[in-house]
Amino acid sequence: MDLHQLNFKHLFYFWQVAKTGSLTQAAGQIHTSQSALSTQIRQLESRLGAALFDRQGRHLELTATGQQVFSYAESIFGLGEQMLGWLDGRDQDAIHVRVGSVATMSRNFQVNWLHPLFHDPAVVLSVDSGSLQDLVARLLRHQLDVVLANEPVPADPARPLSSRFLGSQVISLVGRADRWAGTTLEVPRDLDGVEMAMPSARHSVRPQFDALCHAAGVTPRLRAEIDDMTMLRLVARDSGWITMLPEVVVQDELQSGALAHVGQSAQLTEHFYAITVRHSRPAGPLKQLLLRSAADNMLT
């Protein structure tokens, strides 16, 4: 079948039904009857030569083919929505760069990475935080241009995503300088019983740390586990506990002398990734930023 033979109106109807999971709801949204909607989806299935839904009474379930077609339809109509949003934008000359950031990531890392965009007067930057799953869903709907994460997304033929490696750093142990300056702890051997604040299990480095301690027979005394890196930074500054976190999170406090570096392990490493939709065309400034950061390190 050639592209000109594909009925995009029928594909749009399929997309609406697949999104809502209901003929009734989709028909109401696009102001047509359920019977007309059902007929046109069947015509699309006939043209494609494959069933898109398993029909059991009123219940609709996407087939394997339907899931793949839905993924492509998400890209097609998501870009259409993006185009309409651009046309309706408040500033036609502005370049909007929409960034999603996993909530457990360092704000300092984000600022450092995005810093080149701050000097481009044409760029309007928006940054939203959330879970990786929610941000990737928004990325696939073309509501975001890039997602910053501390883990890559798994390969999945149904989701055309690429994870670009941006860099990595060793996780550090820090403590208030007035208590810990001049102290060096071997990780994990010297941490048995030591009061610690740590990232929660949602953070990619926490399972690494727990496994390292378990293998060494060491049990630190957990005083706090925190998702948000900004909150963890404040705990490091205001408590007397040893805190485990990426050094970039507390770079200002280390430079000022408020916090002291007390230990690290090469086996505790955080990696940073930029996740994009494969074959998408990011705005010029974002494209240059991605190329500069990951010219030789792309995971697909």
Protein backbone atom coordinates (compact mmCIF):
# COMPACT_ATOMS: atom_id res chain seq x y z
CA MET A 1 0.00 0.00 0.00
CA ASP A 2 1.30 3.46 -0.91
CA LEU A 3 1.11 6.30 1.58
CA HIS A 4 -1.49 8.19 -0.48
CA GLN A 5 -3.81 5.19 -0.06
CA LEU A 6 -3.77 5.49 3.73
CA ASN A 7 -6.91 7.22 5.05
CA PHE A 8 -5.60 9.48 7.81
CA LYS A 9 -9.14 10.31 8.95
CA HIS A 10 -9.71 6.64 9.71
CA LEU A 11 -6.31 6.48 11.41
CA PHE A 12 -7.30 9.49 13.53
CA TYR A 13 -10.52 7.76 14.57
CA PHE A 14 -8.56 4.63 15.51
CA TRP A 15 -6.13 6.78 17.55
CA GLN A 16 -8.99 8.39 19.46
CA VAL A 17 -10.60 5.04 20.29
CA ALA A 18 -7.27 3.49 21.30
CA LYS A 19 -6.50 6.45 23.59
CA THR A 20 -9.86 6.39 25.34
CA GLY A 21 -10.44 2.62 25.18
CA SER A 22 -14.09 3.33 24.44
CA LEU A 23 -16.12 3.76 21.27
CA THR A 24 -18.72 5.74 23.22
CA GLN A 25 -16.22 8.22 24.64
CA ALA A 26 -14.31 8.62 21.38
CA ALA A 27 -17.53 9.14 19.40
CA GLY A 28 -18.55 11.89 21.82
CA GLN A 29 -15.19 13.62 21.53
CA ILE A 30 -15.15 13.72 17.73
CA HIS A 31 -18.93 14.26 17.36
CA THR A 32 -19.87 11.21 15.35
CA SER A 33 -21.94 8.10 15.96
CA GLN A 34 -20.53 4.88 17.39
CA SER A 35 -21.67 2.92 14.37
CA ALA A 36 -19.96 5.32 11.94
CA LEU A 37 -16.81 5.19 14.04
CA SER A 38 -16.83 1.40 14.18
CA THR A 39 -17.41 1.15 10.42
CA GLN A 40 -14.48 3.43 9.58
CA ILE A 41 -12.12 1.59 11.91
CA ARG A 42 -13.09 -1.68 10.20
CA GLN A 43 -12.33 -0.03 6.84
CA LEU A 44 -8.88 0.92 8.21
CA GLU A 45 -8.31 -2.67 9.35
CA SER A 46 -9.33 -3.92 5.90
CA ARG A 47 -6.93 -1.50 4.23
CA LEU A 48 -4.07 -2.47 6.56
CA GLY A 49 -4.87 -6.17 6.28
CA ALA A 50 -4.81 -6.78 10.04
CA ALA A 51 -7.13 -6.54 13.04
CA LEU A 52 -6.33 -3.62 15.35
CA PHE A 53 -8.71 -4.55 18.18
CA ASP A 54 -9.82 -7.73 19.87
CA ARG A 55 -13.55 -7.22 20.33
CA GLN A 56 -15.32 -8.94 23.21
CA GLY A 57 -18.74 -7.41 23.48
CA ARG A 58 -18.24 -3.71 24.20
CA HIS A 59 -14.73 -4.25 25.47
CA LEU A 60 -11.89 -3.32 23.08
CA GLU A 61 -8.33 -4.55 23.51
CA LEU A 62 -5.49 -3.59 21.17
CA THR A 63 -3.93 -6.45 19.25
CA ALA A 64 -0.15 -6.62 18.86
CA THR A 65 -0.54 -4.95 15.47
CA GLY A 66 -2.89 -2.39 17.00
CA GLN A 67 -0.30 -1.49 19.63
CA GLN A 68 2.34 -0.86 16.97
CA VAL A 69 -0.04 1.17 14.79
CA PHE A 70 -1.08 3.17 17.85
CA SER A 71 2.57 3.98 18.57
CA TYR A 72 2.98 5.41 15.07
CA ALA A 73 -0.35 7.25 15.30
CA GLU A 74 0.80 8.82 18.60
CA SER A 75 3.82 10.24 16.79
CA ILE A 76 1.80 11.43 13.79
CA PHE A 77 -0.98 13.18 15.67
CA GLY A 78 1.25 14.23 18.55
CA LEU A 79 3.33 16.17 16.01
CA GLY A 80 0.09 17.59 14.63
CA GLU A 81 -0.86 18.85 18.08
CA GLN A 82 2.66 20.26 18.49
CA MET A 83 2.31 22.09 15.17
CA LEU A 84 -1.04 23.60 16.17
CA GLY A 85 0.40 24.64 19.51
CA TRP A 86 3.30 26.33 17.74
CA LEU A 87 0.98 28.13 15.33
CA ASP A 88 -1.08 29.35 18.27
CA GLY A 89 2.00 30.35 20.26
CA ARG A 90 2.35 33.74 21.89
CA ASP A 91 5.71 34.43 20.26
CA GLN A 92 6.14 33.05 16.75
CA ASP A 93 9.85 33.88 16.76
CA ALA A 94 10.64 32.09 20.03
CA ILE A 95 12.22 28.63 20.11
CA HIS A 96 10.46 26.61 22.80
CA VAL A 97 12.58 23.91 24.43
CA ARG A 98 10.55 21.64 26.73
CA VAL A 99 12.57 19.54 29.12
CA GLY A 100 11.35 16.81 31.44
CA SER A 101 13.57 15.83 34.33
CA VAL A 102 13.30 12.78 36.57
CA ALA A 103 12.53 14.02 40.08
CA THR A 104 15.49 12.25 41.68
CA MET A 105 18.06 14.01 39.49
CA SER A 106 20.38 16.73 40.74
CA ARG A 107 19.13 20.25 40.02
CA ASN A 108 22.75 21.38 39.73
CA PHE A 109 23.39 18.81 37.01
CA GLN A 110 20.33 20.04 35.10
CA VAL A 111 21.42 23.67 35.36
CA ASN A 112 24.97 22.81 34.30
CA TRP A 113 23.74 20.85 31.28
CA LEU A 114 21.17 23.45 30.20
CA HIS A 115 23.49 26.39 30.81
CA PRO A 116 24.31 27.02 27.09
CA LEU A 117 20.60 27.63 26.43
CA PHE A 118 20.51 30.45 28.99
CA HIS A 119 22.61 32.60 26.66
CA ASP A 120 20.34 32.21 23.61
CA PRO A 121 17.81 35.08 23.64
CA ALA A 122 15.52 33.20 21.21
CA VAL A 123 15.01 30.23 23.56
CA VAL A 124 12.02 29.91 25.86
CA LEU A 125 12.82 27.08 28.26
CA SER A 126 10.38 25.02 30.31
CA VAL A 127 11.46 22.30 32.76
CA ASP A 128 9.02 19.85 34.36
CA SER A 129 9.90 17.12 36.85
CA GLY A 130 8.18 13.79 37.47
CA SER A 131 8.61 10.05 37.28
CA LEU A 132 10.47 8.53 34.34
CA GLN A 133 7.34 6.65 33.25
CA ASP A 134 5.16 9.76 33.18
CA LEU A 135 7.78 11.90 31.46
CA VAL A 136 8.41 9.30 28.75
CA ALA A 137 4.66 9.10 28.11
CA ARG A 138 4.60 12.88 27.62
CA LEU A 139 7.67 12.66 25.39
CA LEU A 140 5.90 10.11 23.17
CA ARG A 141 2.91 12.47 22.96
CA HIS A 142 5.34 15.20 21.82
CA GLN A 143 4.58 17.32 24.87
CA LEU A 144 8.30 17.31 25.74
CA ASP A 145 11.40 17.57 23.57
CA VAL A 146 13.83 15.71 25.83
CA VAL A 147 13.80 13.86 29.15
CA LEU A 148 16.83 13.98 31.45
CA ALA A 149 17.18 10.77 33.46
CA ASN A 150 19.70 8.77 35.48
CA GLU A 151 18.87 5.54 33.66
CA PRO A 152 18.25 4.68 29.99
CA VAL A 153 14.89 3.47 28.74
CA PRO A 154 14.75 -0.22 27.73
CA ALA A 155 14.71 -1.03 24.03
CA ASP A 156 11.12 -1.51 22.86
CA PRO A 157 10.02 -1.73 19.18
CA ALA A 158 6.69 -0.17 20.15
CA ARG A 159 8.37 2.94 21.56
CA PRO A 160 10.76 4.73 19.16
CA LEU A 161 13.07 6.16 21.83
CA SER A 162 16.80 6.83 22.03
CA SER A 163 18.85 7.26 25.22
CA ARG A 164 21.95 9.42 24.76
CA PHE A 165 24.66 8.98 27.38
CA LEU A 166 25.63 12.39 28.76
CA GLY A 167 28.21 11.40 31.35
CA SER A 168 28.69 9.85 34.75
CA GLN A 169 30.20 10.64 38.11
CA VAL A 170 31.22 8.79 41.22
CA ILE A 171 28.82 9.15 44.16
CA SER A 172 30.38 10.84 47.17
CA LEU A 173 29.97 10.80 50.92
CA VAL A 174 29.91 14.26 52.46
CA GLY A 175 29.45 15.64 55.96
CA ARG A 176 29.38 18.99 57.70
CA ALA A 177 32.89 20.41 57.71
CA ASP A 178 32.74 21.40 61.39
CA ARG A 179 32.37 17.72 62.27
CA TRP A 180 33.91 15.71 59.43
CA ALA A 181 36.72 17.85 57.95
CA GLY A 182 39.92 15.83 57.70
CA THR A 183 38.08 12.49 57.97
CA THR A 184 38.40 9.86 55.26
CA LEU A 185 36.10 6.83 55.33
CA GLU A 186 36.63 3.69 53.27
CA VAL A 187 33.40 2.70 51.55
CA PRO A 188 31.73 0.51 52.63
CA ARG A 189 34.06 -0.90 55.32
CA ASP A 190 33.97 2.13 57.64
CA LEU A 191 30.22 2.72 57.46
CA ASP A 192 28.99 0.05 59.88
CA GLY A 193 26.71 1.82 62.36
CA VAL A 194 27.42 5.27 60.93
CA GLU A 195 24.39 7.60 60.82
CA MET A 196 23.55 8.29 57.17
CA ALA A 197 21.09 10.12 54.93
CA MET A 198 20.67 8.52 51.52
CA PRO A 199 18.64 8.70 48.32
CA SER A 200 15.55 6.52 48.38
CA ALA A 201 15.36 3.19 46.57
CA ARG A 202 13.89 5.03 43.55
CA HIS A 203 17.29 6.56 42.89
CA SER A 204 19.45 4.44 40.57
CA VAL A 205 22.48 4.46 42.89
CA ARG A 206 20.72 3.24 46.04
CA PRO A 207 20.52 -0.45 44.99
CA GLN A 208 24.25 -0.27 44.15
CA PHE A 209 25.03 1.00 47.64
CA ASP A 210 22.81 -1.54 49.41
CA ALA A 211 24.40 -4.41 47.47
CA LEU A 212 27.89 -3.13 48.29
CA CYS A 213 27.11 -2.96 52.01
CA HIS A 214 25.45 -6.37 52.01
CA ALA A 215 28.45 -7.99 50.33
CA ALA A 216 30.77 -6.44 52.94
CA GLY A 217 28.53 -7.36 55.89
CA VAL A 218 28.16 -3.67 56.78
CA THR A 219 24.98 -2.02 58.09
CA PRO A 220 24.96 1.79 58.25
CA ARG A 221 22.41 3.41 60.57
CA LEU A 222 19.80 4.89 58.22
CA ARG A 223 18.53 8.26 59.49
CA ALA A 224 16.81 9.54 56.36
CA GLU A 225 16.05 8.44 52.78
CA ILE A 226 14.98 11.20 50.45
CA ASP A 227 13.90 11.31 46.79
CA ASP A 228 14.48 14.99 46.14
CA MET A 229 18.14 15.92 45.67
CA THR A 230 17.57 19.51 46.84
CA MET A 231 16.12 18.22 50.11
CA LEU A 232 19.01 15.76 50.48
CA ARG A 233 21.44 18.63 49.98
CA LEU A 234 19.76 20.59 52.80
CA VAL A 235 19.93 17.54 55.08
CA ALA A 236 23.64 17.19 54.31
CA ARG A 237 24.16 20.84 55.22
CA ASP A 238 21.99 20.99 58.34
CA SER A 239 22.43 17.56 59.97
CA GLY A 240 25.53 15.97 61.38
CA TRP A 241 25.00 12.78 59.38
CA ILE A 242 27.08 11.43 56.55
CA THR A 243 25.14 11.94 53.33
CA MET A 244 25.52 9.91 50.14
CA LEU A 245 24.77 11.85 46.95
CA PRO A 246 26.27 12.99 43.63
CA GLU A 247 28.97 15.56 44.31
CA VAL A 248 27.44 17.95 41.77
CA VAL A 249 24.45 18.33 44.12
CA VAL A 250 26.62 19.98 46.80
CA GLN A 251 29.28 21.57 44.61
CA ASP A 252 28.61 25.04 46.07
CA GLU A 253 28.78 23.85 49.69
CA LEU A 254 32.02 21.96 49.04
CA GLN A 255 33.58 25.02 47.43
CA SER A 256 32.48 27.28 50.29
CA GLY A 257 33.77 24.86 52.92
CA ALA A 258 30.37 24.25 54.55
CA LEU A 259 30.63 20.54 53.65
CA ALA A 260 33.61 18.23 53.48
CA HIS A 261 34.21 15.25 51.21
CA VAL A 262 34.74 12.17 53.41
CA GLY A 263 34.73 9.21 51.01
CA GLN A 264 33.67 7.60 47.76
CA SER A 265 33.77 4.31 45.89
CA ALA A 266 34.36 3.70 42.20
CA GLN A 267 31.63 1.05 42.45
CA LEU A 268 29.00 3.74 43.16
CA THR A 269 28.39 5.67 39.97
CA GLU A 270 25.47 7.69 38.65
CA HIS A 271 24.94 7.90 34.90
CA PHE A 272 23.06 10.66 33.09
CA TYR A 273 21.01 10.29 29.89
CA ALA A 274 19.02 12.47 27.52
CA ILE A 275 16.00 10.56 26.18
CA THR A 276 14.46 11.67 22.89
CA VAL A 277 12.03 10.31 20.32
CA ARG A 278 13.98 8.57 17.59
CA HIS A 279 13.89 10.38 14.21
CA SER A 280 12.45 13.52 15.82
CA ARG A 281 13.94 16.89 14.95
CA PRO A 282 14.70 18.82 18.13
CA ALA A 283 14.90 22.62 17.99
CA GLY A 284 18.26 23.90 16.73
CA PRO A 285 19.72 24.93 20.13
CA LEU A 286 18.66 21.65 21.74
CA LYS A 287 20.05 19.64 18.82
CA GLN A 288 23.42 21.37 19.21
CA LEU A 289 23.37 20.72 22.95
CA LEU A 290 22.67 17.01 22.42
CA LEU A 291 25.40 16.72 19.80
CA ARG A 292 27.91 18.50 22.02
CA SER A 293 27.07 16.32 25.04
CA ALA A 294 26.84 12.93 23.38
CA ALA A 295 28.55 12.93 20.01
CA ASP A 296 30.17 9.55 20.64
CA ASN A 297 27.86 8.01 23.24
CA MET A 298 24.41 7.09 21.95
CA LEU A 299 22.49 4.05 23.20
CA THR A 300 19.48 3.07 21.10
